[in-house]
Amino acid sequence: MSLLKPIQNVFLRQDYNIGKINLVVLHGLMGSKTNFKNLVNSTQISKHLKSAYLLDARNHGDSPQTQTMSYEEMACDLRHFIANHHLDNVVLLGHSMGGRIIFSYLESFPNDRPLGNVIVDVGPGEGEGKNYVKKLQEIDLKNKSLKDIQDNILEVLRNKEMTQLIMTNLVATNKEATNVNYVWRLNIESISEFQRQGHKEFRSTYDGPVCVICGERSDYVNQNDRASFLQVFPKIDINKDIHFIAGAGHWVQVEKPREFINLTSQYLSQF
């Protein structure tokens, strides 16, 4: 870990000064720091918080773009961020890739114990990853309207909510010209290579309180995966601490925000 060079994550900071928790939020693949802004601002969640820090991961959003990208590097980025901002009473919240960054952080730095963790629709087991990024990378963005690009992305993802999220990563390069061209604002090459590498299996000895929130219709985690969380959270109650929200898929916080907020608020109320 000492050889890894952390980046300076670009982030949104929101101060509430109501509770004692500093909530650090980590988005999923091809997401950004704005993804959880409205959820965190909800009264049910913000009433527990001192501050919230919503990070752009490396190669995402406004954070630095790097040639290399791994969970170990992003765990190092997270540790550097927490130390650099002198944060205490930290609760980590991560969706998908963000959840796996938390697993990597807990595994790599077992002495840096956060107050708690909220893991959203991802497990600690190994897997090949779903390399839809490569297909997105192959979409020709030149001389296309935003609607045409959206149709191309939807054809790859076959999910409207996810398509809308991916669209936020497009920026116009020549707004004054007659024909506006769009480019990716994130480092899609490094992200594609990262996804191609697949997922390793994580383990940790973290014995603090944990909340896992999944979508009942998710194709990332299912009821049979409950026991796998014991690999990273040996003290987790797999029946009480892991929740599956009915009618929700992988984007559980987007598809069922009220239920997501209720579960997160209930968990944060213990601190």
C-alpha atoms as a PDB file:
ATOM      1  CA  MET A   1       0.000   0.000   0.000  1.00  0.00           C
ATOM      2  CA  SER A   2       2.895   2.385   0.660  1.00  0.00           C
ATOM      3  CA  LEU A   3       3.715   2.396  -3.076  1.00  0.00           C
ATOM      4  CA  LEU A   4       0.245   3.565  -4.090  1.00  0.00           C
ATOM      5  CA  LYS A   5      -0.086   7.255  -4.844  1.00  0.00           C
ATOM      6  CA  PRO A   6      -3.425   8.654  -3.678  1.00  0.00           C
ATOM      7  CA  ILE A   7      -5.281  11.327  -5.598  1.00  0.00           C
ATOM      8  CA  GLN A   8      -7.046  14.366  -4.192  1.00  0.00           C
ATOM      9  CA  ASN A   9     -10.711  13.443  -4.614  1.00  0.00           C
ATOM     10  CA  VAL A  10     -12.972  16.270  -5.732  1.00  0.00           C
ATOM     11  CA  PHE A  11     -16.027  16.329  -3.469  1.00  0.00           C
ATOM     12  CA  LEU A  12     -19.204  18.062  -2.370  1.00  0.00           C
ATOM     13  CA  ARG A  13     -19.403  18.990   1.299  1.00  0.00           C
ATOM     14  CA  GLN A  14     -22.706  19.611   3.005  1.00  0.00           C
ATOM     15  CA  ASP A  15     -22.779  20.802   6.623  1.00  0.00           C
ATOM     16  CA  TYR A  16     -25.741  20.138   8.901  1.00  0.00           C
ATOM     17  CA  ASN A  17     -24.239  20.289  12.421  1.00  0.00           C
ATOM     18  CA  ILE A  18     -27.153  18.342  13.891  1.00  0.00           C
ATOM     19  CA  GLY A  19     -25.730  14.897  14.676  1.00  0.00           C
ATOM     20  CA  LYS A  20     -22.149  13.743  15.179  1.00  0.00           C
ATOM     21  CA  ILE A  21     -21.708  11.633  12.014  1.00  0.00           C
ATOM     22  CA  ASN A  22     -19.442  12.579   9.130  1.00  0.00           C
ATOM     23  CA  LEU A  23     -20.985  10.630   6.252  1.00  0.00           C
ATOM     24  CA  VAL A  24     -18.615   9.820   3.371  1.00  0.00           C
ATOM     25  CA  VAL A  25     -20.479   8.747   0.220  1.00  0.00           C
ATOM     26  CA  LEU A  26     -18.950   6.694  -2.604  1.00  0.00           C
ATOM     27  CA  HIS A  27     -20.844   6.377  -5.907  1.00  0.00           C
ATOM     28  CA  GLY A  28     -20.977   3.437  -8.301  1.00  0.00           C
ATOM     29  CA  LEU A  29     -19.226   2.843 -11.612  1.00  0.00           C
ATOM     30  CA  MET A  30     -19.668   5.811 -13.994  1.00  0.00           C
ATOM     31  CA  GLY A  31     -21.523   7.710 -11.288  1.00  0.00           C
ATOM     32  CA  SER A  32     -20.513  10.982  -9.632  1.00  0.00           C
ATOM     33  CA  LYS A  33     -20.580  12.963  -6.412  1.00  0.00           C
ATOM     34  CA  THR A  34     -24.047  14.343  -7.171  1.00  0.00           C
ATOM     35  CA  ASN A  35     -25.786  10.932  -7.251  1.00  0.00           C
ATOM     36  CA  PHE A  36     -26.699  10.871  -3.545  1.00  0.00           C
ATOM     37  CA  LYS A  37     -27.018  14.620  -2.961  1.00  0.00           C
ATOM     38  CA  ASN A  38     -30.813  14.757  -2.700  1.00  0.00           C
ATOM     39  CA  LEU A  39     -30.992  11.598  -0.587  1.00  0.00           C
ATOM     40  CA  VAL A  40     -28.428  12.870   1.908  1.00  0.00           C
ATOM     41  CA  ASN A  41     -30.247  16.222   2.064  1.00  0.00           C
ATOM     42  CA  SER A  42     -33.486  14.536   3.118  1.00  0.00           C
ATOM     43  CA  THR A  43     -34.439  15.465   6.669  1.00  0.00           C
ATOM     44  CA  GLN A  44     -34.553  11.834   7.776  1.00  0.00           C
ATOM     45  CA  ILE A  45     -30.869  11.345   6.946  1.00  0.00           C
ATOM     46  CA  SER A  46     -29.441  14.833   7.516  1.00  0.00           C
ATOM     47  CA  LYS A  47     -30.829  14.966  11.080  1.00  0.00           C
ATOM     48  CA  HIS A  48     -28.162  12.427  12.067  1.00  0.00           C
ATOM     49  CA  LEU A  49     -25.257  14.226  10.422  1.00  0.00           C
ATOM     50  CA  LYS A  50     -22.601  16.750  11.266  1.00  0.00           C
ATOM     51  CA  SER A  51     -21.462  16.810   7.630  1.00  0.00           C
ATOM     52  CA  ALA A  52     -21.652  14.795   4.425  1.00  0.00           C
ATOM     53  CA  TYR A  53     -18.797  14.392   1.961  1.00  0.00           C
ATOM     54  CA  LEU A  54     -19.786  13.137  -1.497  1.00  0.00           C
ATOM     55  CA  LEU A  55     -16.712  12.067  -3.447  1.00  0.00           C
ATOM     56  CA  ASP A  56     -15.890  11.688  -7.111  1.00  0.00           C
ATOM     57  CA  ALA A  57     -13.792   8.526  -7.466  1.00  0.00           C
ATOM     58  CA  ARG A  58     -10.610   8.677  -9.536  1.00  0.00           C
ATOM     59  CA  ASN A  59     -11.338   8.850 -13.269  1.00  0.00           C
ATOM     60  CA  HIS A  60     -14.901   9.952 -12.482  1.00  0.00           C
ATOM     61  CA  GLY A  61     -16.579  13.351 -12.376  1.00  0.00           C
ATOM     62  CA  ASP A  62     -14.142  16.146 -11.595  1.00  0.00           C
ATOM     63  CA  SER A  63     -11.519  14.020  -9.825  1.00  0.00           C
ATOM     64  CA  PRO A  64      -8.074  13.502 -11.392  1.00  0.00           C
ATOM     65  CA  GLN A  65      -7.781  11.057 -14.281  1.00  0.00           C
ATOM     66  CA  THR A  66      -5.155   8.351 -13.900  1.00  0.00           C
ATOM     67  CA  GLN A  67      -3.852   5.557 -16.090  1.00  0.00           C
ATOM     68  CA  THR A  68      -4.208   3.001 -13.298  1.00  0.00           C
ATOM     69  CA  MET A  69      -7.351   2.198 -11.368  1.00  0.00           C
ATOM     70  CA  SER A  70      -7.885  -0.561  -8.821  1.00  0.00           C
ATOM     71  CA  TYR A  71      -9.848  -1.120  -5.640  1.00  0.00           C
ATOM     72  CA  GLU A  72      -6.589  -0.986  -3.685  1.00  0.00           C
ATOM     73  CA  GLU A  73      -5.804   2.442  -5.155  1.00  0.00           C
ATOM     74  CA  MET A  74      -9.305   3.757  -4.456  1.00  0.00           C
ATOM     75  CA  ALA A  75      -9.124   2.430  -0.890  1.00  0.00           C
ATOM     76  CA  CYS A  76      -5.883   4.355  -0.554  1.00  0.00           C
ATOM     77  CA  ASP A  77      -7.601   7.449  -1.986  1.00  0.00           C
ATOM     78  CA  LEU A  78     -10.360   7.072   0.618  1.00  0.00           C
ATOM     79  CA  ARG A  79      -7.921   6.709   3.501  1.00  0.00           C
ATOM     80  CA  HIS A  80      -6.008   9.766   2.320  1.00  0.00           C
ATOM     81  CA  PHE A  81      -9.246  11.762   2.061  1.00  0.00           C
ATOM     82  CA  ILE A  82     -10.384  10.884   5.597  1.00  0.00           C
ATOM     83  CA  ALA A  83      -6.961  11.652   7.073  1.00  0.00           C
ATOM     84  CA  ASN A  84      -6.482  14.848   5.035  1.00  0.00           C
ATOM     85  CA  HIS A  85      -9.816  16.228   6.252  1.00  0.00           C
ATOM     86  CA  HIS A  86      -9.265  15.077   9.857  1.00  0.00           C
ATOM     87  CA  LEU A  87     -12.606  13.289   9.942  1.00  0.00           C
ATOM     88  CA  ASP A  88     -13.817  11.414  12.993  1.00  0.00           C
ATOM     89  CA  ASN A  89     -17.084   9.566  13.630  1.00  0.00           C
ATOM     90  CA  VAL A  90     -17.069   8.466   9.998  1.00  0.00           C
ATOM     91  CA  VAL A  91     -19.837   6.373   8.482  1.00  0.00           C
ATOM     92  CA  LEU A  92     -19.112   5.129   4.965  1.00  0.00           C
ATOM     93  CA  LEU A  93     -21.886   4.682   2.404  1.00  0.00           C
ATOM     94  CA  GLY A  94     -21.116   3.071  -0.933  1.00  0.00           C
ATOM     95  CA  HIS A  95     -23.216   1.881  -3.861  1.00  0.00           C
ATOM     96  CA  SER A  96     -21.952  -0.897  -6.149  1.00  0.00           C
ATOM     97  CA  MET A  97     -18.317   0.020  -6.934  1.00  0.00           C
ATOM     98  CA  GLY A  98     -18.457   2.380  -3.954  1.00  0.00           C
ATOM     99  CA  GLY A  99     -19.426  -0.517  -1.688  1.00  0.00           C
ATOM    100  CA  ARG A 100     -16.493  -2.543  -2.960  1.00  0.00           C
ATOM    101  CA  ILE A 101     -14.170   0.392  -2.288  1.00  0.00           C
ATOM    102  CA  ILE A 102     -15.364   0.154   1.325  1.00  0.00           C
ATOM    103  CA  PHE A 103     -14.617  -3.602   1.387  1.00  0.00           C
ATOM    104  CA  SER A 104     -11.124  -2.897   0.073  1.00  0.00           C
ATOM    105  CA  TYR A 105     -10.601  -0.090   2.607  1.00  0.00           C
ATOM    106  CA  LEU A 106     -11.608  -2.304   5.535  1.00  0.00           C
ATOM    107  CA  GLU A 107      -9.378  -5.136   4.257  1.00  0.00           C
ATOM    108  CA  SER A 108      -6.354  -2.928   3.531  1.00  0.00           C
ATOM    109  CA  PHE A 109      -6.503  -0.715   6.620  1.00  0.00           C
ATOM    110  CA  PRO A 110      -7.968  -2.823   9.456  1.00  0.00           C
ATOM    111  CA  ASN A 111      -6.851  -0.309  12.103  1.00  0.00           C
ATOM    112  CA  ASP A 112      -8.731   2.592  10.488  1.00  0.00           C
ATOM    113  CA  ARG A 113     -12.153   1.706  11.834  1.00  0.00           C
ATOM    114  CA  PRO A 114     -15.109   3.770  10.629  1.00  0.00           C
ATOM    115  CA  LEU A 115     -18.036   4.187  12.988  1.00  0.00           C
ATOM    116  CA  GLY A 116     -20.269   2.249  10.616  1.00  0.00           C
ATOM    117  CA  ASN A 117     -20.902   1.219   7.007  1.00  0.00           C
ATOM    118  CA  VAL A 118     -23.867   1.262   4.626  1.00  0.00           C
ATOM    119  CA  ILE A 119     -23.353  -1.091   1.683  1.00  0.00           C
ATOM    120  CA  VAL A 120     -25.748  -0.670  -1.243  1.00  0.00           C
ATOM    121  CA  ASP A 121     -26.441  -3.566  -3.602  1.00  0.00           C
ATOM    122  CA  VAL A 122     -23.060  -5.220  -3.895  1.00  0.00           C
ATOM    123  CA  GLY A 123     -21.375  -8.221  -2.302  1.00  0.00           C
ATOM    124  CA  PRO A 124     -17.764  -9.058  -1.400  1.00  0.00           C
ATOM    125  CA  GLY A 125     -17.381 -12.118  -3.624  1.00  0.00           C
ATOM    126  CA  GLU A 126     -15.237 -12.310  -6.721  1.00  0.00           C
ATOM    127  CA  GLY A 127     -16.674 -12.053 -10.188  1.00  0.00           C
ATOM    128  CA  GLU A 128     -15.878 -11.179 -13.751  1.00  0.00           C
ATOM    129  CA  GLY A 129     -17.680  -7.873 -13.773  1.00  0.00           C
ATOM    130  CA  LYS A 130     -20.120  -6.798 -16.457  1.00  0.00           C
ATOM    131  CA  ASN A 131     -18.057  -4.923 -18.994  1.00  0.00           C
ATOM    132  CA  TYR A 132     -20.753  -2.711 -20.455  1.00  0.00           C
ATOM    133  CA  VAL A 133     -18.227   0.154 -20.344  1.00  0.00           C
ATOM    134  CA  LYS A 134     -16.356  -1.315 -23.313  1.00  0.00           C
ATOM    135  CA  LYS A 135     -19.594  -1.255 -25.322  1.00  0.00           C
ATOM    136  CA  LEU A 136     -20.202   2.354 -24.286  1.00  0.00           C
ATOM    137  CA  GLN A 137     -16.629   3.163 -25.294  1.00  0.00           C
ATOM    138  CA  GLU A 138     -17.354   1.820 -28.771  1.00  0.00           C
ATOM    139  CA  ILE A 139     -20.278   4.205 -29.341  1.00  0.00           C
ATOM    140  CA  ASP A 140     -19.330   6.830 -31.924  1.00  0.00           C
ATOM    141  CA  LEU A 141     -20.223  10.177 -30.347  1.00  0.00           C
ATOM    142  CA  LYS A 142     -19.246  12.372 -33.288  1.00  0.00           C
ATOM    143  CA  ASN A 143     -21.901  14.293 -35.200  1.00  0.00           C
ATOM    144  CA  LYS A 144     -24.736  12.770 -33.190  1.00  0.00           C
ATOM    145  CA  SER A 145     -27.571  14.463 -31.368  1.00  0.00           C
ATOM    146  CA  LEU A 146     -27.920  13.907 -27.641  1.00  0.00           C
ATOM    147  CA  LYS A 147     -31.094  11.921 -28.349  1.00  0.00           C
ATOM    148  CA  ASP A 148     -29.240   9.584 -30.747  1.00  0.00           C
ATOM    149  CA  ILE A 149     -26.480   9.032 -28.175  1.00  0.00           C
ATOM    150  CA  GLN A 150     -29.088   8.359 -25.497  1.00  0.00           C
ATOM    151  CA  ASP A 151     -30.731   5.750 -27.746  1.00  0.00           C
ATOM    152  CA  ASN A 152     -27.332   4.096 -28.312  1.00  0.00           C
ATOM    153  CA  ILE A 153     -26.628   3.986 -24.572  1.00  0.00           C
ATOM    154  CA  LEU A 154     -30.090   2.615 -23.806  1.00  0.00           C
ATOM    155  CA  GLU A 155     -29.514  -0.118 -26.387  1.00  0.00           C
ATOM    156  CA  VAL A 156     -26.397  -1.181 -24.453  1.00  0.00           C
ATOM    157  CA  LEU A 157     -27.763  -0.880 -20.921  1.00  0.00           C
ATOM    158  CA  ARG A 158     -31.470  -1.686 -21.448  1.00  0.00           C
ATOM    159  CA  ASN A 159     -32.230   0.340 -18.309  1.00  0.00           C
ATOM    160  CA  LYS A 160     -33.704   3.862 -18.388  1.00  0.00           C
ATOM    161  CA  GLU A 161     -32.511   4.935 -14.916  1.00  0.00           C
ATOM    162  CA  MET A 162     -28.980   3.800 -15.595  1.00  0.00           C
ATOM    163  CA  THR A 163     -29.016   5.441 -19.027  1.00  0.00           C
ATOM    164  CA  GLN A 164     -29.961   8.774 -17.459  1.00  0.00           C
ATOM    165  CA  LEU A 165     -27.069   8.447 -15.008  1.00  0.00           C
ATOM    166  CA  ILE A 166     -24.573   7.624 -17.761  1.00  0.00           C
ATOM    167  CA  MET A 167     -25.790  10.604 -19.802  1.00  0.00           C
ATOM    168  CA  THR A 168     -24.583  12.964 -17.065  1.00  0.00           C
ATOM    169  CA  ASN A 169     -21.025  11.984 -18.066  1.00  0.00           C
ATOM    170  CA  LEU A 170     -21.326  13.619 -21.495  1.00  0.00           C
ATOM    171  CA  VAL A 171     -20.161  17.180 -22.137  1.00  0.00           C
ATOM    172  CA  ALA A 172     -20.410  19.370 -25.234  1.00  0.00           C
ATOM    173  CA  THR A 173     -17.070  20.442 -26.706  1.00  0.00           C
ATOM    174  CA  ASN A 174     -18.217  23.112 -29.161  1.00  0.00           C
ATOM    175  CA  LYS A 175     -21.409  24.675 -27.836  1.00  0.00           C
ATOM    176  CA  GLU A 176     -21.118  27.702 -30.106  1.00  0.00           C
ATOM    177  CA  ALA A 177     -20.892  25.629 -33.300  1.00  0.00           C
ATOM    178  CA  THR A 178     -23.849  24.567 -35.418  1.00  0.00           C
ATOM    179  CA  ASN A 179     -23.108  20.889 -34.863  1.00  0.00           C
ATOM    180  CA  VAL A 180     -22.413  20.242 -31.181  1.00  0.00           C
ATOM    181  CA  ASN A 181     -20.080  17.343 -30.456  1.00  0.00           C
ATOM    182  CA  TYR A 182     -20.137  15.380 -27.220  1.00  0.00           C
ATOM    183  CA  VAL A 183     -17.291  13.666 -25.375  1.00  0.00           C
ATOM    184  CA  TRP A 184     -16.964  11.669 -22.166  1.00  0.00           C
ATOM    185  CA  ARG A 185     -15.884  13.817 -19.231  1.00  0.00           C
ATOM    186  CA  LEU A 186     -14.669  10.756 -17.351  1.00  0.00           C
ATOM    187  CA  ASN A 187     -11.711   8.565 -18.259  1.00  0.00           C
ATOM    188  CA  ILE A 188     -13.642   5.849 -20.029  1.00  0.00           C
ATOM    189  CA  GLU A 189     -10.476   4.059 -21.201  1.00  0.00           C
ATOM    190  CA  SER A 190      -9.153   3.502 -17.666  1.00  0.00           C
ATOM    191  CA  ILE A 191     -12.623   2.641 -16.372  1.00  0.00           C
ATOM    192  CA  SER A 192     -13.133   0.066 -19.131  1.00  0.00           C
ATOM    193  CA  GLU A 193      -9.790  -1.557 -18.352  1.00  0.00           C
ATOM    194  CA  PHE A 194     -10.647  -1.551 -14.632  1.00  0.00           C
ATOM    195  CA  GLN A 195     -13.955  -3.289 -15.316  1.00  0.00           C
ATOM    196  CA  ARG A 196     -12.301  -5.792 -17.658  1.00  0.00           C
ATOM    197  CA  GLN A 197     -10.006  -6.933 -14.848  1.00  0.00           C
ATOM    198  CA  GLY A 198     -12.983  -8.307 -12.925  1.00  0.00           C
ATOM    199  CA  HIS A 199     -13.512  -8.418  -9.173  1.00  0.00           C
ATOM    200  CA  LYS A 200     -11.412  -9.948  -6.433  1.00  0.00           C
ATOM    201  CA  GLU A 201     -12.884 -11.413  -3.272  1.00  0.00           C
ATOM    202  CA  PHE A 202     -12.662  -9.277  -0.141  1.00  0.00           C
ATOM    203  CA  ARG A 203     -12.223 -10.184   3.512  1.00  0.00           C
ATOM    204  CA  SER A 204     -11.926  -8.108   6.672  1.00  0.00           C
ATOM    205  CA  THR A 205     -12.274  -8.337  10.437  1.00  0.00           C
ATOM    206  CA  TYR A 206     -14.522  -5.296  10.865  1.00  0.00           C
ATOM    207  CA  ASP A 207     -16.847  -6.053  13.783  1.00  0.00           C
ATOM    208  CA  GLY A 208     -18.812  -2.799  14.011  1.00  0.00           C
ATOM    209  CA  PRO A 209     -22.450  -2.227  13.019  1.00  0.00           C
ATOM    210  CA  VAL A 210     -23.324  -2.664   9.355  1.00  0.00           C
ATOM    211  CA  CYS A 211     -26.348  -2.045   7.152  1.00  0.00           C
ATOM    212  CA  VAL A 212     -26.660  -3.717   3.747  1.00  0.00           C
ATOM    213  CA  ILE A 213     -29.445  -2.492   1.440  1.00  0.00           C
ATOM    214  CA  CYS A 214     -30.179  -4.414  -1.765  1.00  0.00           C
ATOM    215  CA  GLY A 215     -32.836  -4.522  -4.431  1.00  0.00           C
ATOM    216  CA  GLU A 216     -35.031  -7.616  -4.443  1.00  0.00           C
ATOM    217  CA  ARG A 217     -34.834  -7.695  -8.262  1.00  0.00           C
ATOM    218  CA  SER A 218     -31.094  -6.940  -8.420  1.00  0.00           C
ATOM    219  CA  ASP A 219     -28.874  -9.053 -10.652  1.00  0.00           C
ATOM    220  CA  TYR A 220     -25.855  -8.155  -8.484  1.00  0.00           C
ATOM    221  CA  VAL A 221     -26.935  -9.580  -5.108  1.00  0.00           C
ATOM    222  CA  ASN A 222     -29.652 -12.037  -4.110  1.00  0.00           C
ATOM    223  CA  GLN A 223     -30.980 -13.715  -0.974  1.00  0.00           C
ATOM    224  CA  ASN A 224     -28.538 -16.609  -1.391  1.00  0.00           C
ATOM    225  CA  ASP A 225     -25.605 -14.194  -0.991  1.00  0.00           C
ATOM    226  CA  ARG A 226     -26.405 -13.256   2.611  1.00  0.00           C
ATOM    227  CA  ALA A 227     -23.730 -15.505   4.140  1.00  0.00           C
ATOM    228  CA  SER A 228     -21.000 -14.040   1.906  1.00  0.00           C
ATOM    229  CA  PHE A 229     -21.112 -10.800   3.904  1.00  0.00           C
ATOM    230  CA  LEU A 230     -19.649 -12.683   6.872  1.00  0.00           C
ATOM    231  CA  GLN A 231     -16.340 -12.564   4.965  1.00  0.00           C
ATOM    232  CA  VAL A 232     -16.052  -8.831   5.548  1.00  0.00           C
ATOM    233  CA  PHE A 233     -18.382  -8.356   8.511  1.00  0.00           C
ATOM    234  CA  PRO A 234     -17.887 -11.366  10.850  1.00  0.00           C
ATOM    235  CA  LYS A 235     -20.418 -10.016  13.386  1.00  0.00           C
ATOM    236  CA  ILE A 236     -23.170  -9.147  10.918  1.00  0.00           C
ATOM    237  CA  ASP A 237     -26.614 -10.615  11.561  1.00  0.00           C
ATOM    238  CA  ILE A 238     -27.395 -11.861   8.061  1.00  0.00           C
ATOM    239  CA  ASN A 239     -31.122 -11.908   8.805  1.00  0.00           C
ATOM    240  CA  LYS A 240     -31.491  -8.492  10.471  1.00  0.00           C
ATOM    241  CA  ASP A 241     -28.721  -6.356   8.981  1.00  0.00           C
ATOM    242  CA  ILE A 242     -29.247  -7.228   5.304  1.00  0.00           C
ATOM    243  CA  HIS A 243     -32.341  -5.759   3.676  1.00  0.00           C
ATOM    244  CA  PHE A 244     -33.911  -6.500   0.288  1.00  0.00           C
ATOM    245  CA  ILE A 245     -36.311  -3.794  -0.887  1.00  0.00           C
ATOM    246  CA  ALA A 246     -39.267  -5.186  -2.824  1.00  0.00           C
ATOM    247  CA  GLY A 247     -39.647  -4.034  -6.416  1.00  0.00           C
ATOM    248  CA  ALA A 248     -36.153  -2.520  -6.635  1.00  0.00           C
ATOM    249  CA  GLY A 249     -33.255  -3.510  -8.863  1.00  0.00           C
ATOM    250  CA  HIS A 250     -29.587  -2.557  -8.677  1.00  0.00           C
ATOM    251  CA  TRP A 251     -30.359   1.183  -8.508  1.00  0.00           C
ATOM    252  CA  VAL A 252     -32.330   0.665  -5.322  1.00  0.00           C
ATOM    253  CA  GLN A 253     -31.810   4.223  -4.035  1.00  0.00           C
ATOM    254  CA  VAL A 254     -33.215   5.647  -7.297  1.00  0.00           C
ATOM    255  CA  GLU A 255     -36.067   3.195  -7.755  1.00  0.00           C
ATOM    256  CA  LYS A 256     -37.238   3.141  -4.114  1.00  0.00           C
ATOM    257  CA  PRO A 257     -35.866   6.324  -2.478  1.00  0.00           C
ATOM    258  CA  ARG A 258     -38.375   6.430   0.384  1.00  0.00           C
ATOM    259  CA  GLU A 259     -37.619   2.887   1.500  1.00  0.00           C
ATOM    260  CA  PHE A 260     -33.884   3.492   1.091  1.00  0.00           C
ATOM    261  CA  ILE A 261     -34.014   6.670   3.176  1.00  0.00           C
ATOM    262  CA  ASN A 262     -36.053   4.958   5.901  1.00  0.00           C
ATOM    263  CA  LEU A 263     -33.574   2.083   6.269  1.00  0.00           C
ATOM    264  CA  THR A 264     -30.541   4.381   6.199  1.00  0.00           C
ATOM    265  CA  SER A 265     -32.072   6.740   8.771  1.00  0.00           C
ATOM    266  CA  GLN A 266     -32.968   3.845  11.048  1.00  0.00           C
ATOM    267  CA  TYR A 267     -29.392   2.595  10.887  1.00  0.00           C
ATOM    268  CA  LEU A 268     -27.824   6.023  11.513  1.00  0.00           C
ATOM    269  CA  SER A 269     -30.073   6.652  14.529  1.00  0.00           C
ATOM    270  CA  GLN A 270     -27.999   4.243  16.661  1.00  0.00           C
ATOM    271  CA  PHE A 271     -24.917   6.492  16.655  1.00  0.00           C
END
